[in-house]
Protein backbone atom coordinates (compact mmCIF):
# COMPACT_ATOMS: atom_id res chain seq x y z
CA UNK A 1 245.19 -89.09 -51.93
CA UNK A 2 244.25 -87.33 -55.16
CA UNK A 3 243.48 -83.62 -54.93
CA UNK A 4 240.99 -83.98 -57.77
CA UNK A 5 237.31 -83.88 -56.72
CA UNK A 6 235.38 -87.12 -56.93
CA UNK A 7 233.11 -87.15 -59.95
CA UNK A 8 229.42 -87.82 -59.32
CA UNK A 9 226.17 -87.67 -61.25
CA UNK A 10 222.76 -86.51 -60.08
CA UNK A 11 219.57 -88.40 -60.96
CA UNK A 12 215.93 -87.59 -60.22
CA UNK A 13 216.21 -83.80 -60.55
CA UNK A 14 213.30 -82.61 -58.48
CA UNK A 15 213.51 -79.56 -56.22
CA UNK A 16 215.63 -81.38 -53.62
CA UNK A 17 218.25 -82.29 -56.21
CA UNK A 18 218.92 -78.55 -56.55
CA UNK A 19 219.33 -78.24 -52.78
CA UNK A 20 221.91 -81.02 -52.83
CA UNK A 21 223.65 -79.63 -55.91
CA UNK A 22 223.91 -76.22 -54.22
CA UNK A 23 225.48 -78.00 -51.24
CA UNK A 24 227.96 -79.81 -53.51
CA UNK A 25 229.17 -76.41 -54.66
CA UNK A 26 229.83 -75.47 -51.00
CA UNK A 27 231.39 -78.83 -50.16
CA UNK A 28 234.98 -79.97 -50.47
CA UNK A 29 236.26 -82.55 -52.91
CA UNK A 30 233.15 -83.45 -54.89
CA UNK A 31 231.77 -82.32 -58.24
CA UNK A 32 228.61 -83.09 -60.24
CA UNK A 33 229.62 -83.79 -63.84
CA UNK A 34 226.49 -85.43 -65.31
CA UNK A 35 222.75 -85.48 -64.68
CA UNK A 36 219.72 -87.44 -65.78
CA UNK A 37 215.96 -87.38 -65.41
CA UNK A 38 213.28 -88.46 -67.86
CA UNK A 39 212.25 -84.87 -68.61
CA UNK A 40 214.55 -83.37 -71.24
CA UNK A 41 213.65 -79.83 -70.14
CA UNK A 42 214.45 -80.53 -66.48
CA UNK A 43 217.79 -82.12 -67.19
CA UNK A 44 218.76 -79.32 -69.57
CA UNK A 45 217.88 -76.71 -66.94
CA UNK A 46 219.83 -78.57 -64.25
CA UNK A 47 222.85 -78.98 -66.52
CA UNK A 48 222.83 -75.28 -67.34
CA UNK A 49 222.48 -74.25 -63.70
CA UNK A 50 225.23 -76.53 -62.38
CA UNK A 51 227.56 -76.61 -65.38
CA UNK A 52 227.35 -80.34 -65.92
CA UNK A 53 226.42 -82.61 -68.83
CA UNK A 54 222.81 -83.63 -69.37
CA UNK A 55 222.57 -87.21 -70.65
CA UNK A 56 219.65 -88.98 -72.28
CA UNK A 57 219.72 -92.19 -70.21
CA UNK A 58 220.73 -93.58 -66.83
CA UNK A 59 222.81 -96.16 -68.72
CA UNK A 60 225.02 -93.32 -69.96
CA UNK A 61 225.95 -92.62 -66.34
CA UNK A 62 226.27 -96.26 -65.30
CA UNK A 63 228.61 -97.08 -68.19
CA UNK A 64 230.88 -94.08 -67.57
CA UNK A 65 233.89 -95.38 -65.65
CA UNK A 66 234.88 -91.84 -64.65
CA UNK A 67 231.68 -91.46 -62.60
CA UNK A 68 232.40 -92.66 -59.06
CA UNK A 69 229.13 -91.90 -57.30
CA UNK A 70 225.48 -91.02 -57.77
CA UNK A 71 223.30 -88.54 -55.89
CA UNK A 72 219.90 -90.20 -56.03
CA UNK A 73 216.73 -88.14 -55.46
CA UNK A 74 214.37 -90.39 -57.40
CA UNK A 75 210.96 -91.33 -55.92
CA UNK A 76 211.08 -93.66 -52.91
CA UNK A 77 209.52 -96.58 -54.75
CA UNK A 78 212.39 -96.77 -57.27
CA UNK A 79 215.22 -96.40 -54.74
CA UNK A 80 215.81 -100.15 -54.80
CA UNK A 81 216.11 -100.52 -58.56
CA UNK A 82 218.13 -97.35 -59.18
CA UNK A 83 220.50 -98.20 -56.32
CA UNK A 84 220.82 -101.82 -57.49
CA UNK A 85 221.85 -100.64 -60.94
CA UNK A 86 224.35 -98.19 -59.48
CA UNK A 87 225.91 -100.72 -57.10
CA UNK A 88 226.21 -103.37 -59.81
CA UNK A 89 228.02 -100.78 -61.95
CA UNK A 90 230.42 -100.11 -59.05
CA UNK A 91 228.99 -96.70 -58.21
CA UNK A 92 228.61 -95.40 -54.66
CA UNK A 93 225.25 -93.81 -53.83
CA UNK A 94 224.00 -90.91 -51.76
CA UNK A 95 220.28 -91.58 -51.29
CA UNK A 96 217.86 -89.01 -49.99
CA UNK A 97 215.79 -90.28 -47.05
CA UNK A 98 213.89 -92.46 -46.53
CA UNK A 99 215.95 -95.39 -47.73
CA UNK A 100 212.75 -96.87 -49.22
CA UNK A 101 209.03 -97.11 -48.59
CA UNK A 102 209.23 -100.65 -47.19
CA UNK A 103 211.47 -102.56 -44.81
CA UNK A 104 211.82 -105.30 -47.40
CA UNK A 105 213.29 -102.85 -49.92
CA UNK A 106 215.52 -101.23 -47.29
CA UNK A 107 217.01 -104.59 -46.29
CA UNK A 108 217.51 -105.53 -49.93
CA UNK A 109 219.34 -102.26 -50.61
CA UNK A 110 221.61 -102.97 -47.63
CA UNK A 111 222.30 -106.49 -48.92
CA UNK A 112 223.06 -105.32 -52.45
CA UNK A 113 225.55 -102.61 -51.55
CA UNK A 114 227.33 -104.98 -49.17
CA UNK A 115 227.51 -107.68 -51.81
CA UNK A 116 228.77 -105.23 -54.44
CA UNK A 117 231.30 -103.62 -52.09
CA UNK A 118 229.92 -100.13 -52.64
CA UNK A 119 228.95 -97.46 -50.13
CA UNK A 120 225.45 -96.14 -49.57
CA UNK A 121 224.92 -92.99 -47.52
CA UNK A 122 221.41 -91.83 -46.60
CA UNK A 123 220.59 -88.14 -46.18
CA UNK A 124 219.54 -87.35 -42.60
CA UNK A 125 220.97 -83.87 -42.19
CA UNK A 126 218.94 -82.85 -39.12
CA UNK A 127 220.99 -85.07 -36.80
CA UNK A 128 224.06 -83.01 -37.78
CA UNK A 129 222.67 -79.68 -36.56
CA UNK A 130 225.03 -78.07 -34.06
CA UNK A 131 222.44 -77.69 -31.28
CA UNK A 132 221.72 -81.43 -31.32
CA UNK A 133 225.43 -82.20 -31.35
CA UNK A 134 225.87 -79.94 -28.31
CA UNK A 135 223.15 -81.89 -26.49
CA UNK A 136 224.71 -85.24 -27.40
CA UNK A 137 228.12 -84.06 -26.20
CA UNK A 138 226.70 -83.00 -22.81
CA UNK A 139 224.88 -86.33 -22.50
CA UNK A 140 228.13 -88.17 -23.26
CA UNK A 141 229.82 -86.13 -20.51
CA UNK A 142 227.15 -87.29 -18.06
CA UNK A 143 225.69 -83.81 -17.56
CA UNK A 144 222.10 -84.95 -18.14
CA UNK A 145 222.19 -88.00 -15.92
CA UNK A 146 219.59 -90.63 -16.71
CA UNK A 147 217.64 -89.75 -19.84
CA UNK A 148 213.90 -89.81 -19.19
CA UNK A 149 211.82 -87.92 -21.76
CA UNK A 150 211.63 -85.77 -24.90
CA UNK A 151 209.06 -83.87 -26.93
CA UNK A 152 209.46 -82.71 -30.50
CA UNK A 153 207.60 -80.94 -33.29
CA UNK A 154 208.47 -80.51 -36.95
CA UNK A 155 205.88 -78.65 -39.00
CA UNK A 156 205.53 -76.57 -42.16
CA UNK A 157 202.87 -74.68 -44.06
CA UNK A 158 202.24 -76.48 -47.35
CA UNK A 159 198.85 -75.00 -48.23
CA UNK A 160 198.98 -74.02 -51.90
CA UNK A 161 202.70 -74.84 -52.07
CA UNK A 162 202.78 -78.29 -53.59
CA UNK A 163 201.67 -80.21 -56.64
CA UNK A 164 198.93 -82.64 -55.57
CA UNK A 165 200.09 -84.99 -58.33
CA UNK A 166 203.64 -85.18 -56.97
CA UNK A 167 204.62 -88.61 -55.65
CA UNK A 168 205.75 -86.92 -52.41
CA UNK A 169 202.14 -86.15 -51.46
CA UNK A 170 200.42 -89.44 -52.33
CA UNK A 171 199.83 -92.44 -50.10
CA UNK A 172 201.47 -94.70 -52.68
CA UNK A 173 204.55 -92.53 -53.08
CA UNK A 174 204.94 -91.51 -49.41
CA UNK A 175 203.05 -94.00 -47.18
CA UNK A 176 202.47 -92.36 -43.82
CA UNK A 177 202.30 -88.91 -45.35
CA UNK A 178 203.90 -86.11 -43.38
CA UNK A 179 205.33 -88.48 -40.78
CA UNK A 180 207.44 -90.31 -43.35
CA UNK A 181 208.35 -87.22 -45.33
CA UNK A 182 209.57 -84.95 -42.52
CA UNK A 183 208.75 -86.64 -39.21
CA UNK A 184 211.36 -89.30 -39.95
CA UNK A 185 214.06 -86.64 -39.52
CA UNK A 186 213.16 -86.07 -35.88
CA UNK A 187 212.68 -89.79 -35.26
CA UNK A 188 216.31 -90.09 -36.31
CA UNK A 189 217.40 -87.22 -34.04
CA UNK A 190 215.48 -88.63 -31.06
CA UNK A 191 217.14 -92.00 -31.55
CA UNK A 192 220.59 -90.38 -31.61
CA UNK A 193 219.80 -88.72 -28.26
CA UNK A 194 217.63 -91.22 -26.36
CA UNK A 195 218.58 -94.45 -28.10
CA UNK A 196 216.61 -96.86 -30.24
CA UNK A 197 212.81 -96.80 -30.18
CA UNK A 198 211.16 -100.01 -28.96
CA UNK A 199 207.41 -99.37 -29.18
CA UNK A 200 205.26 -96.87 -31.09
CA UNK A 201 201.68 -95.61 -30.82
CA UNK A 202 200.51 -93.37 -33.64
CA UNK A 203 197.68 -91.08 -34.67
CA UNK A 204 197.13 -89.28 -37.98
CA UNK A 205 194.60 -86.99 -39.63
CA UNK A 206 194.00 -85.29 -42.96
CA UNK A 207 192.69 -81.85 -42.05
CA UNK A 208 193.72 -79.16 -44.51
CA UNK A 209 195.53 -80.41 -47.59
CA UNK A 210 193.89 -82.19 -50.53
CA UNK A 211 194.93 -85.66 -51.60
CA UNK A 212 194.90 -89.03 -49.85
CA UNK A 213 197.59 -88.70 -47.18
CA UNK A 214 197.77 -87.50 -43.56
CA UNK A 215 198.88 -83.88 -43.17
CA UNK A 216 199.01 -84.07 -39.35
CA UNK A 217 200.45 -86.98 -37.37
CA UNK A 218 201.83 -87.83 -33.97
CA UNK A 219 203.90 -90.62 -32.42
CA UNK A 220 204.23 -91.66 -28.79
CA UNK A 221 207.42 -93.72 -28.46
CA UNK A 222 209.04 -95.80 -25.75
CA UNK A 223 212.79 -96.14 -26.17
CA UNK A 224 214.78 -99.24 -25.25
CA UNK A 225 216.17 -97.49 -22.15
CA UNK A 226 212.63 -96.79 -20.93
CA UNK A 227 212.57 -93.09 -21.85
CA UNK A 228 209.39 -91.74 -23.45
CA UNK A 229 209.28 -89.33 -26.38
CA UNK A 230 206.52 -87.64 -28.35
CA UNK A 231 206.75 -86.34 -31.89
CA UNK A 232 204.24 -84.32 -33.89
CA UNK A 233 204.63 -83.51 -37.58
CA UNK A 234 202.42 -81.35 -39.71
CA UNK A 235 201.90 -79.82 -43.13
CA UNK A 236 198.73 -77.98 -42.07
CA UNK A 237 200.13 -75.34 -39.71
CA UNK A 238 200.31 -71.61 -40.42
CA UNK A 239 204.10 -71.49 -40.35
CA UNK A 240 207.31 -73.48 -40.29
CA UNK A 241 208.39 -74.55 -36.80
CA UNK A 242 210.87 -76.89 -35.12
CA UNK A 243 211.00 -77.79 -31.44
CA UNK A 244 212.80 -80.40 -29.36
CA UNK A 245 212.99 -80.51 -25.58
CA UNK A 246 215.24 -83.13 -24.00
CA UNK A 247 214.81 -84.10 -20.34
CA UNK A 248 217.37 -85.86 -18.17
CA UNK A 249 217.33 -86.44 -14.42
CA UNK A 250 220.01 -83.77 -13.94
CA UNK A 251 219.46 -81.34 -16.83
CA UNK A 252 217.06 -80.22 -19.55
CA UNK A 253 217.77 -78.77 -22.99
CA UNK A 254 215.18 -76.67 -24.83
CA UNK A 255 215.51 -76.01 -28.55
CA UNK A 256 213.11 -74.21 -30.87
CA UNK A 257 213.41 -72.43 -34.19
CA UNK A 258 212.85 -68.92 -32.84
CA UNK A 259 214.69 -69.02 -29.51
CA UNK A 260 217.59 -71.34 -30.23
CA UNK A 261 219.09 -73.60 -27.56
CA UNK A 262 218.71 -73.17 -23.80
CA UNK A 263 219.94 -75.33 -20.92
CA UNK A 264 218.77 -75.76 -17.34
CA UNK A 265 220.37 -77.89 -14.63
CA UNK A 266 218.70 -79.42 -11.60
CA UNK A 267 217.96 -76.76 -8.99
CA UNK A 268 218.15 -73.88 -11.47
CA UNK A 269 215.35 -71.40 -12.04
CA UNK A 270 216.15 -69.84 -15.41
CA UNK A 271 217.55 -71.60 -18.48
CA UNK A 272 220.84 -70.25 -19.82
CA UNK A 273 221.15 -69.45 -23.51
CA UNK A 274 223.65 -71.66 -25.31
CA UNK A 275 225.37 -70.10 -28.31
CA UNK A 276 226.23 -72.64 -30.98
CA UNK A 277 227.46 -71.79 -34.45
CA UNK A 278 225.05 -72.84 -37.19
CA UNK A 279 226.64 -75.43 -39.42
CA UNK A 280 226.12 -76.27 -43.08
CA UNK A 281 224.66 -79.74 -42.56
CA UNK A 282 223.93 -80.62 -46.17
CA UNK A 283 227.37 -79.52 -47.38
CA UNK A 284 228.78 -81.70 -44.59
CA UNK A 285 226.83 -84.63 -46.01
CA UNK A 286 228.20 -84.01 -49.49
CA UNK A 287 231.77 -83.70 -48.21
CA UNK A 288 231.33 -86.92 -46.26
CA UNK A 289 229.95 -88.68 -49.34
CA UNK A 290 233.02 -87.65 -51.32
CA UNK A 291 235.26 -88.96 -48.54
CA UNK A 292 233.30 -92.22 -48.43
CA UNK A 293 234.01 -92.67 -52.13
CA UNK A 294 237.72 -92.06 -51.45
CA UNK A 295 237.62 -94.62 -48.66
CA UNK A 296 238.58 -92.13 -45.95
CA UNK A 297 235.17 -92.03 -44.21
CA UNK A 298 232.14 -94.18 -43.50
CA UNK A 299 228.53 -93.00 -43.80
CA UNK A 300 227.00 -91.53 -40.67
CA UNK A 301 223.73 -93.15 -41.77
CA UNK A 302 224.07 -96.34 -43.79
CA UNK A 303 221.39 -98.52 -45.34
CA UNK A 304 220.64 -100.62 -42.25
CA UNK A 305 220.51 -97.64 -39.85
CA UNK A 306 218.12 -95.94 -42.27
CA UNK A 307 216.01 -99.10 -42.47
CA UNK A 308 215.79 -99.24 -38.67
CA UNK A 309 214.67 -95.60 -38.63
CA UNK A 310 212.10 -96.35 -41.32
CA UNK A 311 210.78 -99.18 -39.13
CA UNK A 312 209.75 -96.66 -36.46
CA UNK A 313 207.60 -94.83 -39.01
CA UNK A 314 206.19 -98.09 -40.35
CA UNK A 315 205.31 -99.07 -36.78
CA UNK A 316 203.48 -95.75 -36.43
CA UNK A 317 201.57 -96.32 -39.67
CA UNK A 318 200.56 -99.80 -38.52
CA UNK A 319 199.54 -98.40 -35.13
CA UNK A 320 197.22 -95.88 -36.84
CA UNK A 321 195.74 -98.59 -39.01
CA UNK A 322 195.21 -101.17 -36.23
CA UNK A 323 194.63 -98.92 -33.24
CA UNK A 324 197.31 -100.46 -31.02
CA UNK A 325 200.90 -100.00 -29.90
CA UNK A 326 203.37 -101.71 -32.25
CA UNK A 327 206.86 -102.98 -31.43
CA UNK A 328 209.53 -101.89 -33.91
CA UNK A 329 210.96 -105.40 -33.87
CA UNK A 330 207.57 -106.66 -35.12
CA UNK A 331 208.04 -104.47 -38.19
CA UNK A 332 211.69 -105.40 -38.75
CA UNK A 333 210.95 -109.12 -38.59
CA UNK A 334 207.84 -109.05 -40.82
CA UNK A 335 208.75 -110.23 -44.35
CA UNK A 336 205.69 -108.41 -45.72
CA UNK A 337 206.78 -105.01 -44.41
């Protein structure tokens, strides 16, 4: 295997592209060599910051045979077209979540990359966090017994901290609002712990932020194994906060941003603190992407897994709109979704 880093380009160049580029610099075996976005100023600034070449068109990247992969942080509604172009040019793609805004687009992305023989990896870094891996390992060992329940919260203060004209905060650009933008991360984590979601009931409100999208939302989910989970997501709270409590018949794990991970077994009175080393989840994603390009790894989240995760959110959106519980399979099988 070559010791040279795989050569990739970055497109989109919003604030998250910088987060990923910073992670590339911490990762092994991958290097950003070109960048493109429509704004000349933005691509020049990115190129200067990350010592890569700013190019004037996406075609410049697609036609460069030395470019092996693309880090794609373009708006959700152009994920399909930008990924299609990349795959048809033989480029592998790292795509920031969600895979798309619609199930139809997600399935088409999965079909295209399979047909073209390229790899698509979708960014769901929260599932990689060491505390969640610790919980999954104990579940695999049988320490939790039958899994029965979970509750989760992911919330941030966005008052005065975003551009109301950004696609990320519009109903067209991010249908479902806060639940699609950040809630989808904890949907993914809950499915890695409790298994696939079967049915969703949702509620959403717009309480604090301007615009046309929910800034507070909640999902009540029944998993295929019968376990029940709840998830709340918000952009209207006074501070950033993350919480996830996992309940099994024989043990419970409690995680929150301020107190870390704790663990209590049946019959115990006081949870024990579990020390886990914080890991660099986004650098791990970038290292994995480089290895996928080399053919020595497969994506932890591929296009179809990401589409299935998106379907949970779409079921929640439909539940809010129609005032009923919605089966995820109803969403996945609907050609109009």
